[in-house]
């Protein structure tokens, strides 16, 4: 089963911000191979239509979420944005078997901390139960705390929207794709 959250949100920008919450761990590497063991459990996005989150309820629901995410990606308005798009692109490449291009990067430099950006721009926490600590979201999902994991994804999307509107975006770093 895939749990869904829909919300009307004022989003005056062109395109779609995508944010994934995942389980798994990185493996050594410099390209997309480092994301091979990372599995999306939440697929969230925000655009002019609003905010939508899809969450696998358990491990058995992950294939259904993967299929729904792939279908959704085809219908979303471009350009695509993410905070640290290397992560989203690497995970999606390994999960879907094809490259998903992102045109906008929301961090100013590789590995910039979202928490520090949120603080410097005075962006609200948006009820993030984990205060920008994605690892805590992974543990929550694995412990069946689906609502808290989805709240974290919601707050990430709202923060990333604010980052985009307040300081814009840059071209994404190159990701070496390795099958």
C-alpha atoms as a PDB file:
ATOM      1  CA  UNK A   1       0.000   0.000   0.000  1.00  0.00           C
ATOM      2  CA  UNK A   2       1.164   3.515  -0.824  1.00  0.00           C
ATOM      3  CA  UNK A   3      -0.001   6.315   1.480  1.00  0.00           C
ATOM      4  CA  UNK A   4      -0.640   9.689  -0.160  1.00  0.00           C
ATOM      5  CA  UNK A   5      -0.719  13.265   1.100  1.00  0.00           C
ATOM      6  CA  UNK A   6      -2.010  16.146  -1.044  1.00  0.00           C
ATOM      7  CA  UNK A   7      -1.952  19.779  -0.049  1.00  0.00           C
ATOM      8  CA  UNK A   8      -2.753  23.063  -1.731  1.00  0.00           C
ATOM      9  CA  UNK A   9       0.291  25.320  -1.502  1.00  0.00           C
ATOM     10  CA  UNK A  10       1.056  28.679  -3.084  1.00  0.00           C
ATOM     11  CA  UNK A  11       3.932  27.849  -5.427  1.00  0.00           C
ATOM     12  CA  UNK A  12       4.733  30.673  -7.806  1.00  0.00           C
ATOM     13  CA  UNK A  13       7.599  29.131  -9.768  1.00  0.00           C
ATOM     14  CA  UNK A  14       8.002  27.266 -13.020  1.00  0.00           C
ATOM     15  CA  UNK A  15       8.713  23.554 -12.761  1.00  0.00           C
ATOM     16  CA  UNK A  16       8.800  20.981  -9.966  1.00  0.00           C
ATOM     17  CA  UNK A  17      10.881  20.446  -6.840  1.00  0.00           C
ATOM     18  CA  UNK A  18      11.438  16.757  -6.089  1.00  0.00           C
ATOM     19  CA  UNK A  19      12.565  15.336  -2.746  1.00  0.00           C
ATOM     20  CA  UNK A  20      13.127  11.673  -1.876  1.00  0.00           C
ATOM     21  CA  UNK A  21      13.349   9.960   1.484  1.00  0.00           C
ATOM     22  CA  UNK A  22      15.218   6.685   1.369  1.00  0.00           C
ATOM     23  CA  UNK A  23      16.513   3.651   3.204  1.00  0.00           C
ATOM     24  CA  UNK A  24      19.803   1.893   2.626  1.00  0.00           C
ATOM     25  CA  UNK A  25      23.414   2.972   2.634  1.00  0.00           C
ATOM     26  CA  UNK A  26      26.014   4.455   0.342  1.00  0.00           C
ATOM     27  CA  UNK A  27      28.734   2.311  -1.181  1.00  0.00           C
ATOM     28  CA  UNK A  28      32.182   3.669  -2.060  1.00  0.00           C
ATOM     29  CA  UNK A  29      32.323   5.406  -5.427  1.00  0.00           C
ATOM     30  CA  UNK A  30      32.330   8.721  -7.192  1.00  0.00           C
ATOM     31  CA  UNK A  31      29.408   8.350  -9.569  1.00  0.00           C
ATOM     32  CA  UNK A  32      25.946   6.847  -9.603  1.00  0.00           C
ATOM     33  CA  UNK A  33      27.251   3.506  -8.292  1.00  0.00           C
ATOM     34  CA  UNK A  34      27.425   4.939  -4.756  1.00  0.00           C
ATOM     35  CA  UNK A  35      23.586   5.059  -4.718  1.00  0.00           C
ATOM     36  CA  UNK A  36      22.942   1.415  -5.772  1.00  0.00           C
ATOM     37  CA  UNK A  37      21.875   0.292  -2.283  1.00  0.00           C
ATOM     38  CA  UNK A  38      19.671   3.304  -1.584  1.00  0.00           C
ATOM     39  CA  UNK A  39      15.938   2.737  -2.029  1.00  0.00           C
ATOM     40  CA  UNK A  40      13.265   5.449  -2.135  1.00  0.00           C
ATOM     41  CA  UNK A  41      10.447   4.985   0.349  1.00  0.00           C
ATOM     42  CA  UNK A  42       8.951   8.470  -0.069  1.00  0.00           C
ATOM     43  CA  UNK A  43       8.555  10.418  -3.313  1.00  0.00           C
ATOM     44  CA  UNK A  44       7.490  14.011  -2.759  1.00  0.00           C
ATOM     45  CA  UNK A  45       7.118  16.974  -5.062  1.00  0.00           C
ATOM     46  CA  UNK A  46       5.849  20.525  -5.080  1.00  0.00           C
ATOM     47  CA  UNK A  47       4.831  22.656  -8.051  1.00  0.00           C
ATOM     48  CA  UNK A  48       2.163  25.184  -9.033  1.00  0.00           C
ATOM     49  CA  UNK A  49      -0.492  22.474  -8.577  1.00  0.00           C
ATOM     50  CA  UNK A  50       0.455  22.013  -4.903  1.00  0.00           C
ATOM     51  CA  UNK A  51       2.379  19.539  -2.782  1.00  0.00           C
ATOM     52  CA  UNK A  52       2.082  15.755  -3.120  1.00  0.00           C
ATOM     53  CA  UNK A  53       3.785  12.987  -1.166  1.00  0.00           C
ATOM     54  CA  UNK A  54       3.639   9.267  -1.872  1.00  0.00           C
ATOM     55  CA  UNK A  55       4.993   6.925   0.791  1.00  0.00           C
ATOM     56  CA  UNK A  56       5.492   3.159   0.764  1.00  0.00           C
ATOM     57  CA  UNK A  57       3.788   1.876   3.908  1.00  0.00           C
ATOM     58  CA  UNK A  58       6.263  -1.017   4.296  1.00  0.00           C
ATOM     59  CA  UNK A  59       8.940  -2.953   2.405  1.00  0.00           C
ATOM     60  CA  UNK A  60       6.317  -4.848   0.385  1.00  0.00           C
ATOM     61  CA  UNK A  61       4.973  -1.514  -0.939  1.00  0.00           C
ATOM     62  CA  UNK A  62       8.303  -0.286  -2.328  1.00  0.00           C
ATOM     63  CA  UNK A  63       7.808  -1.773  -5.854  1.00  0.00           C
ATOM     64  CA  UNK A  64       4.386  -0.081  -6.070  1.00  0.00           C
ATOM     65  CA  UNK A  65       5.908   3.258  -5.014  1.00  0.00           C
ATOM     66  CA  UNK A  66       8.677   2.814  -7.619  1.00  0.00           C
ATOM     67  CA  UNK A  67       6.079   2.260 -10.368  1.00  0.00           C
ATOM     68  CA  UNK A  68       3.909   5.190  -9.254  1.00  0.00           C
ATOM     69  CA  UNK A  69       6.966   7.457  -9.031  1.00  0.00           C
ATOM     70  CA  UNK A  70       8.041   6.525 -12.541  1.00  0.00           C
ATOM     71  CA  UNK A  71       4.557   7.305 -13.878  1.00  0.00           C
ATOM     72  CA  UNK A  72       4.403  10.623 -11.990  1.00  0.00           C
ATOM     73  CA  UNK A  73       7.817  11.745 -13.285  1.00  0.00           C
ATOM     74  CA  UNK A  74       6.483  11.604 -16.840  1.00  0.00           C
ATOM     75  CA  UNK A  75       3.653  14.010 -16.008  1.00  0.00           C
ATOM     76  CA  UNK A  76       5.507  16.643 -13.979  1.00  0.00           C
ATOM     77  CA  UNK A  77       6.275  20.127 -15.284  1.00  0.00           C
ATOM     78  CA  UNK A  78       9.901  20.966 -15.971  1.00  0.00           C
ATOM     79  CA  UNK A  79      12.405  22.165 -14.994  1.00  0.00           C
ATOM     80  CA  UNK A  80      13.137  19.768 -12.119  1.00  0.00           C
ATOM     81  CA  UNK A  81      14.876  21.109  -9.002  1.00  0.00           C
ATOM     82  CA  UNK A  82      16.343  19.460  -5.907  1.00  0.00           C
ATOM     83  CA  UNK A  83      18.563  20.344  -2.996  1.00  0.00           C
ATOM     84  CA  UNK A  84      21.608  18.150  -3.704  1.00  0.00           C
ATOM     85  CA  UNK A  85      20.260  16.779  -6.962  1.00  0.00           C
ATOM     86  CA  UNK A  86      23.221  14.370  -7.180  1.00  0.00           C
ATOM     87  CA  UNK A  87      21.362  12.294  -4.599  1.00  0.00           C
ATOM     88  CA  UNK A  88      17.966  12.326  -6.328  1.00  0.00           C
ATOM     89  CA  UNK A  89      19.524  11.728  -9.763  1.00  0.00           C
ATOM     90  CA  UNK A  90      21.752   8.892  -8.508  1.00  0.00           C
ATOM     91  CA  UNK A  91      18.964   7.151  -6.615  1.00  0.00           C
ATOM     92  CA  UNK A  92      16.470   7.501  -9.470  1.00  0.00           C
ATOM     93  CA  UNK A  93      19.022   6.299 -12.036  1.00  0.00           C
ATOM     94  CA  UNK A  94      19.653   3.120 -10.054  1.00  0.00           C
ATOM     95  CA  UNK A  95      15.987   2.516  -9.223  1.00  0.00           C
ATOM     96  CA  UNK A  96      14.492   3.272 -12.641  1.00  0.00           C
ATOM     97  CA  UNK A  97      17.383   2.256 -14.866  1.00  0.00           C
ATOM     98  CA  UNK A  98      17.449   5.558 -16.725  1.00  0.00           C
ATOM     99  CA  UNK A  99      18.646   9.103 -16.272  1.00  0.00           C
ATOM    100  CA  UNK A 100      16.223  11.691 -14.945  1.00  0.00           C
ATOM    101  CA  UNK A 101      17.571  15.154 -15.741  1.00  0.00           C
ATOM    102  CA  UNK A 102      17.395  17.923 -13.170  1.00  0.00           C
ATOM    103  CA  UNK A 103      17.864  21.418 -14.511  1.00  0.00           C
ATOM    104  CA  UNK A 104      18.168  23.272 -11.191  1.00  0.00           C
ATOM    105  CA  UNK A 105      20.334  22.731  -8.138  1.00  0.00           C
ATOM    106  CA  UNK A 106      19.172  24.455  -4.950  1.00  0.00           C
ATOM    107  CA  UNK A 107      22.406  24.243  -2.997  1.00  0.00           C
ATOM    108  CA  UNK A 108      25.099  26.820  -3.827  1.00  0.00           C
ATOM    109  CA  UNK A 109      27.882  24.238  -3.651  1.00  0.00           C
ATOM    110  CA  UNK A 110      28.154  20.454  -3.355  1.00  0.00           C
ATOM    111  CA  UNK A 111      27.349  19.236   0.162  1.00  0.00           C
ATOM    112  CA  UNK A 112      26.050  22.597   1.405  1.00  0.00           C
ATOM    113  CA  UNK A 113      23.954  21.952   4.503  1.00  0.00           C
ATOM    114  CA  UNK A 114      20.235  22.574   4.015  1.00  0.00           C
ATOM    115  CA  UNK A 115      19.966  23.317   7.729  1.00  0.00           C
ATOM    116  CA  UNK A 116      22.523  26.140   7.456  1.00  0.00           C
ATOM    117  CA  UNK A 117      20.724  27.593   4.415  1.00  0.00           C
ATOM    118  CA  UNK A 118      17.376  27.451   6.220  1.00  0.00           C
ATOM    119  CA  UNK A 119      18.893  29.223   9.217  1.00  0.00           C
ATOM    120  CA  UNK A 120      20.713  31.874   7.146  1.00  0.00           C
ATOM    121  CA  UNK A 121      17.578  32.686   5.128  1.00  0.00           C
ATOM    122  CA  UNK A 122      15.372  32.610   8.252  1.00  0.00           C
ATOM    123  CA  UNK A 123      13.110  29.927   6.720  1.00  0.00           C
ATOM    124  CA  UNK A 124      10.639  28.278   9.123  1.00  0.00           C
ATOM    125  CA  UNK A 125      11.088  24.658  10.224  1.00  0.00           C
ATOM    126  CA  UNK A 126       7.613  23.745   8.854  1.00  0.00           C
ATOM    127  CA  UNK A 127       7.070  21.263  11.705  1.00  0.00           C
ATOM    128  CA  UNK A 128       9.991  19.036  10.656  1.00  0.00           C
ATOM    129  CA  UNK A 129      10.117  16.383  13.399  1.00  0.00           C
ATOM    130  CA  UNK A 130      13.785  15.697  12.587  1.00  0.00           C
ATOM    131  CA  UNK A 131      15.133  19.259  12.079  1.00  0.00           C
ATOM    132  CA  UNK A 132      16.758  18.520   8.692  1.00  0.00           C
ATOM    133  CA  UNK A 133      18.311  15.219   9.802  1.00  0.00           C
ATOM    134  CA  UNK A 134      17.338  12.815   7.036  1.00  0.00           C
ATOM    135  CA  UNK A 135      18.922   9.832   8.785  1.00  0.00           C
ATOM    136  CA  UNK A 136      16.311  10.157  11.537  1.00  0.00           C
ATOM    137  CA  UNK A 137      13.604  10.035   8.857  1.00  0.00           C
ATOM    138  CA  UNK A 138      15.036   6.748   7.551  1.00  0.00           C
ATOM    139  CA  UNK A 139      14.950   5.257  11.059  1.00  0.00           C
ATOM    140  CA  UNK A 140      11.403   6.504  11.616  1.00  0.00           C
ATOM    141  CA  UNK A 141      10.171   4.904   8.375  1.00  0.00           C
ATOM    142  CA  UNK A 142      11.894   1.630   9.237  1.00  0.00           C
ATOM    143  CA  UNK A 143      10.167   1.715  12.650  1.00  0.00           C
ATOM    144  CA  UNK A 144       6.748   2.212  11.034  1.00  0.00           C
ATOM    145  CA  UNK A 145       6.489   5.917  11.887  1.00  0.00           C
ATOM    146  CA  UNK A 146       5.080   6.752   8.449  1.00  0.00           C
ATOM    147  CA  UNK A 147       3.338   9.994   9.450  1.00  0.00           C
ATOM    148  CA  UNK A 148       6.520  11.468  10.956  1.00  0.00           C
ATOM    149  CA  UNK A 149       8.547  10.452   7.886  1.00  0.00           C
ATOM    150  CA  UNK A 150       5.979  12.118   5.620  1.00  0.00           C
ATOM    151  CA  UNK A 151       5.993  15.261   7.798  1.00  0.00           C
ATOM    152  CA  UNK A 152       9.747  15.454   7.303  1.00  0.00           C
ATOM    153  CA  UNK A 153       9.372  15.181   3.524  1.00  0.00           C
ATOM    154  CA  UNK A 154       6.659  17.855   3.554  1.00  0.00           C
ATOM    155  CA  UNK A 155       8.894  20.236   5.481  1.00  0.00           C
ATOM    156  CA  UNK A 156      11.817  19.543   3.117  1.00  0.00           C
ATOM    157  CA  UNK A 157       9.661  20.426   0.113  1.00  0.00           C
ATOM    158  CA  UNK A 158       8.414  23.658   1.699  1.00  0.00           C
ATOM    159  CA  UNK A 159      11.933  24.678   2.737  1.00  0.00           C
ATOM    160  CA  UNK A 160      13.268  23.934  -0.754  1.00  0.00           C
ATOM    161  CA  UNK A 161      10.466  26.019  -2.276  1.00  0.00           C
ATOM    162  CA  UNK A 162      11.503  28.924  -0.063  1.00  0.00           C
ATOM    163  CA  UNK A 163      15.163  28.449  -0.988  1.00  0.00           C
ATOM    164  CA  UNK A 164      14.295  28.493  -4.704  1.00  0.00           C
ATOM    165  CA  UNK A 165      12.147  31.615  -4.382  1.00  0.00           C
ATOM    166  CA  UNK A 166      14.621  33.500  -2.162  1.00  0.00           C
ATOM    167  CA  UNK A 167      17.946  32.758  -3.806  1.00  0.00           C
ATOM    168  CA  UNK A 168      17.319  30.897  -7.052  1.00  0.00           C
ATOM    169  CA  UNK A 169      19.218  27.919  -8.377  1.00  0.00           C
ATOM    170  CA  UNK A 170      22.381  26.918 -10.190  1.00  0.00           C
ATOM    171  CA  UNK A 171      23.239  24.309 -12.802  1.00  0.00           C
ATOM    172  CA  UNK A 172      23.582  20.827 -11.248  1.00  0.00           C
ATOM    173  CA  UNK A 173      26.957  19.173 -10.780  1.00  0.00           C
ATOM    174  CA  UNK A 174      27.780  16.449 -13.274  1.00  0.00           C
ATOM    175  CA  UNK A 175      26.958  12.882 -12.200  1.00  0.00           C
ATOM    176  CA  UNK A 176      28.933  10.059 -13.766  1.00  0.00           C
ATOM    177  CA  UNK A 177      26.333   7.414 -14.664  1.00  0.00           C
ATOM    178  CA  UNK A 178      27.564   3.854 -14.146  1.00  0.00           C
ATOM    179  CA  UNK A 179      25.286   0.882 -14.836  1.00  0.00           C
END
